[in-house]
Amino acid sequence: MGKLGVLVTLVFALVVAAPAAANPPTRAEEHVDRTRTILAGELCPFDFVVRSEGFRTTTTFTNSDGSLDRFTIHLTSWHTTYTNPANGKMLRVTLSGPVIVQALPDGRALVQIPGNDPRIVAKGEGPIYTDSGLIVYIAPDTVNWVEQLEVLHVAGGRRESEDFVAAVCGALA
C-alpha cells in the first residue's frame, strides 16, 4: 500500500473513532466510611453493627450527543464487617462485581449486579456463607436505579434466606 493508501486509511480510522473519542468516560471516586446498626428482629434476635469502608468509583459513559449511556459502580479497597457489640464476634463480608446501570430508550434503566451476594468469613473458621449471585432488573430511571420495577433474572439470592440468616446470626451469637 502506498503513502496515499496509508494516509486514507488513517484518516478513515480517525473519522470513525472520533465520535467514540469525543466523549471519554468520566470517573468519580468517593471515600465511604459508614456504620449502621441492624436492630434485633430485623435479621437476628440481637443487634449487630455493619461497618463499610473503602472507595466507590463511578464511571459514566455518555453517547456522542452527550446523553447518558450507562454508568458502573465499583468498590475498591472495600471492607465490610458485621460485629455483635455484645460479645465482640465479627464477620468479614466480601462483595464482588460492579453495578452496571444502562439507560434505556424509554427513560427506564436496566440494572445488572453480578456478584450481588456476599462471601462471609468468620475468623478462625473461613468462609461460612458464599453466594456469587446475579440480579438483573428494570428501574424507573438511572437516578432511581435501586428501585426494582421488574426483576428479569435472579441467580443465587441471599435475600435473607434461611441459610444466610443461620450463617450470620449463628456466627455472631
Protein backbone atom coordinates (compact mmCIF):
# COMPACT_ATOMS: atom_id res chain seq x y z
CA MET A 1 0.00 0.00 0.00
CA GLY A 2 1.39 3.39 -0.96
CA LYS A 3 1.66 6.50 1.16
CA LEU A 4 -1.70 7.77 -0.13
CA GLY A 5 -3.39 4.47 0.83
CA VAL A 6 -1.92 4.61 4.34
CA LEU A 7 -2.99 8.24 4.70
CA VAL A 8 -6.56 7.49 3.54
CA THR A 9 -6.73 4.52 5.95
CA LEU A 10 -5.52 6.66 8.85
CA VAL A 11 -7.96 9.48 8.07
CA PHE A 12 -10.83 6.98 7.81
CA ALA A 13 -9.83 5.40 11.15
CA LEU A 14 -9.76 8.83 12.80
CA VAL A 15 -13.15 9.80 11.39
CA VAL A 16 -14.71 6.53 12.61
CA ALA A 17 -13.06 6.78 16.03
CA ALA A 18 -13.81 10.50 16.54
CA PRO A 19 -17.37 10.07 17.89
CA ALA A 20 -16.21 7.48 20.40
CA ALA A 21 -13.24 9.61 21.41
CA ALA A 22 -15.37 12.73 21.71
CA ASN A 23 -16.88 11.56 24.99
CA PRO A 24 -14.40 9.61 27.05
CA PRO A 25 -15.82 8.08 30.22
CA THR A 26 -15.64 10.15 33.38
CA ARG A 27 -14.71 8.74 36.78
CA ALA A 28 -15.68 9.93 40.22
CA GLU A 29 -14.20 8.35 43.31
CA GLU A 30 -15.86 8.73 46.69
CA HIS A 31 -14.48 7.61 50.02
CA VAL A 32 -17.17 5.80 52.02
CA ASP A 33 -16.99 5.23 55.75
CA ARG A 34 -20.34 4.34 57.23
CA THR A 35 -21.62 2.44 60.20
CA ARG A 36 -25.18 1.38 60.89
CA THR A 37 -26.91 -0.92 63.33
CA ILE A 38 -29.18 -3.76 62.28
CA LEU A 39 -31.66 -3.88 65.13
CA ALA A 40 -32.73 -7.05 66.89
CA GLY A 41 -35.55 -8.69 64.96
CA GLU A 42 -34.59 -7.22 61.57
CA LEU A 43 -32.36 -10.22 60.81
CA CYS A 44 -31.01 -11.73 64.04
CA PRO A 45 -32.52 -11.83 67.53
CA PHE A 46 -29.83 -9.34 68.63
CA ASP A 47 -28.40 -6.04 67.39
CA PHE A 48 -25.30 -6.10 65.21
CA VAL A 49 -23.24 -3.36 63.61
CA VAL A 50 -22.38 -3.16 59.90
CA ARG A 51 -19.33 -1.08 59.06
CA SER A 52 -18.31 -0.43 55.46
CA GLU A 53 -15.23 1.47 54.41
CA GLY A 54 -13.46 1.91 51.10
CA PHE A 55 -13.76 3.67 47.78
CA ARG A 56 -16.76 3.74 45.48
CA THR A 57 -15.75 4.54 41.92
CA THR A 58 -18.45 5.55 39.45
CA THR A 59 -17.53 5.52 35.77
CA THR A 60 -20.00 7.28 33.49
CA PHE A 61 -20.24 6.65 29.74
CA THR A 62 -22.08 9.11 27.50
CA ASN A 63 -23.25 8.93 23.92
CA SER A 64 -21.80 11.23 21.26
CA ASP A 65 -24.76 13.61 21.78
CA GLY A 66 -23.88 13.90 25.50
CA SER A 67 -26.78 11.78 26.75
CA LEU A 68 -26.15 9.13 29.37
CA ASP A 69 -25.44 5.66 28.02
CA ARG A 70 -24.55 3.85 31.25
CA PHE A 71 -22.57 4.01 34.44
CA THR A 72 -20.79 1.42 36.53
CA ILE A 73 -20.03 1.39 40.22
CA HIS A 74 -17.02 -0.50 41.55
CA LEU A 75 -16.00 -0.90 45.17
CA THR A 76 -12.24 -0.84 45.67
CA SER A 77 -10.19 -1.32 48.81
CA TRP A 78 -13.57 -2.14 50.34
CA HIS A 79 -14.01 -3.68 53.77
CA THR A 80 -17.33 -4.58 55.36
CA THR A 81 -17.67 -6.16 58.77
CA TYR A 82 -20.60 -7.38 60.84
CA THR A 83 -19.94 -7.11 64.59
CA ASN A 84 -22.00 -8.17 67.58
CA PRO A 85 -21.21 -5.45 70.15
CA ALA A 86 -22.49 -7.64 72.99
CA ASN A 87 -19.75 -10.27 72.56
CA GLY A 88 -17.25 -8.75 70.08
CA LYS A 89 -17.70 -11.50 67.47
CA MET A 90 -17.01 -10.23 63.96
CA LEU A 91 -17.52 -11.41 60.38
CA ARG A 92 -15.73 -10.13 57.28
CA VAL A 93 -18.00 -9.62 54.27
CA THR A 94 -16.68 -9.52 50.71
CA LEU A 95 -18.85 -8.19 47.89
CA SER A 96 -17.99 -8.64 44.24
CA GLY A 97 -18.92 -7.43 40.81
CA PRO A 98 -19.74 -3.96 39.61
CA VAL A 99 -23.19 -2.42 39.44
CA ILE A 100 -24.00 -1.66 35.80
CA VAL A 101 -26.83 0.79 35.10
CA GLN A 102 -27.77 1.32 31.46
CA ALA A 103 -30.17 4.00 30.23
CA LEU A 104 -32.96 2.57 28.08
CA PRO A 105 -34.61 4.46 25.19
CA ASP A 106 -37.91 4.71 27.10
CA GLY A 107 -36.25 6.51 30.05
CA ARG A 108 -36.10 3.49 32.34
CA ALA A 109 -32.85 1.78 33.32
CA LEU A 110 -31.54 -1.77 33.03
CA VAL A 111 -29.59 -2.70 36.16
CA GLN A 112 -27.21 -5.66 36.34
CA ILE A 113 -25.40 -6.63 39.52
CA PRO A 114 -23.13 -9.64 39.06
CA GLY A 115 -21.91 -10.92 42.40
CA ASN A 116 -24.64 -9.09 44.30
CA ASP A 117 -24.40 -11.52 47.18
CA PRO A 118 -21.59 -11.73 49.69
CA ARG A 119 -18.93 -14.13 50.80
CA ILE A 120 -18.83 -14.11 54.60
CA VAL A 121 -15.76 -15.22 56.52
CA ALA A 122 -15.54 -15.96 60.24
CA LYS A 123 -12.12 -15.57 61.83
CA GLY A 124 -10.62 -18.98 62.50
CA GLU A 125 -13.36 -20.77 60.54
CA GLY A 126 -13.02 -19.50 56.99
CA PRO A 127 -15.99 -18.91 54.67
CA ILE A 128 -19.32 -19.62 56.35
CA TYR A 129 -21.55 -18.34 53.53
CA THR A 130 -20.86 -17.82 49.83
CA ASP A 131 -23.28 -16.91 47.07
CA SER A 132 -21.96 -15.19 43.97
CA GLY A 133 -25.41 -14.31 42.64
CA LEU A 134 -26.63 -12.19 39.74
CA ILE A 135 -29.62 -9.91 39.61
CA VAL A 136 -30.95 -8.08 36.55
CA TYR A 137 -33.91 -5.74 36.80
CA ILE A 138 -35.65 -2.72 35.31
CA ALA A 139 -35.57 0.51 37.35
CA PRO A 140 -37.73 3.61 36.80
CA ASP A 141 -34.70 5.62 35.59
CA THR A 142 -30.96 5.95 36.08
CA VAL A 143 -31.37 8.25 39.09
CA ASN A 144 -33.62 5.82 40.96
CA TRP A 145 -31.69 2.73 39.87
CA VAL A 146 -32.02 0.95 43.22
CA GLU A 147 -35.80 0.73 42.84
CA GLN A 148 -36.78 -2.56 41.23
CA LEU A 149 -39.82 -2.25 38.95
CA GLU A 150 -39.46 -5.61 37.24
CA VAL A 151 -36.96 -8.31 38.13
CA LEU A 152 -35.77 -10.05 34.95
CA HIS A 153 -33.29 -12.53 36.41
CA VAL A 154 -32.09 -13.67 39.82
CA ALA A 155 -29.41 -16.29 40.37
CA GLY A 156 -28.04 -17.06 43.79
CA GLY A 157 -30.03 -14.90 46.05
CA ARG A 158 -29.23 -14.29 49.68
CA ARG A 159 -32.48 -12.40 50.09
CA GLU A 160 -32.43 -13.19 53.81
CA SER A 161 -32.76 -16.89 53.07
CA GLU A 162 -32.67 -19.35 55.93
CA ASP A 163 -29.06 -20.30 55.10
CA PHE A 164 -27.91 -16.69 55.16
CA VAL A 165 -29.69 -15.90 58.41
CA ALA A 166 -28.40 -19.08 60.06
CA ALA A 167 -24.82 -18.38 58.96
CA VAL A 168 -24.75 -14.73 60.04
CA CYS A 169 -26.77 -14.98 63.24
CA GLY A 170 -25.15 -18.27 64.27
CA ALA A 171 -21.61 -16.94 63.83
CA LEU A 172 -22.35 -13.67 65.63
CA ALA A 173 -24.30 -15.22 68.54
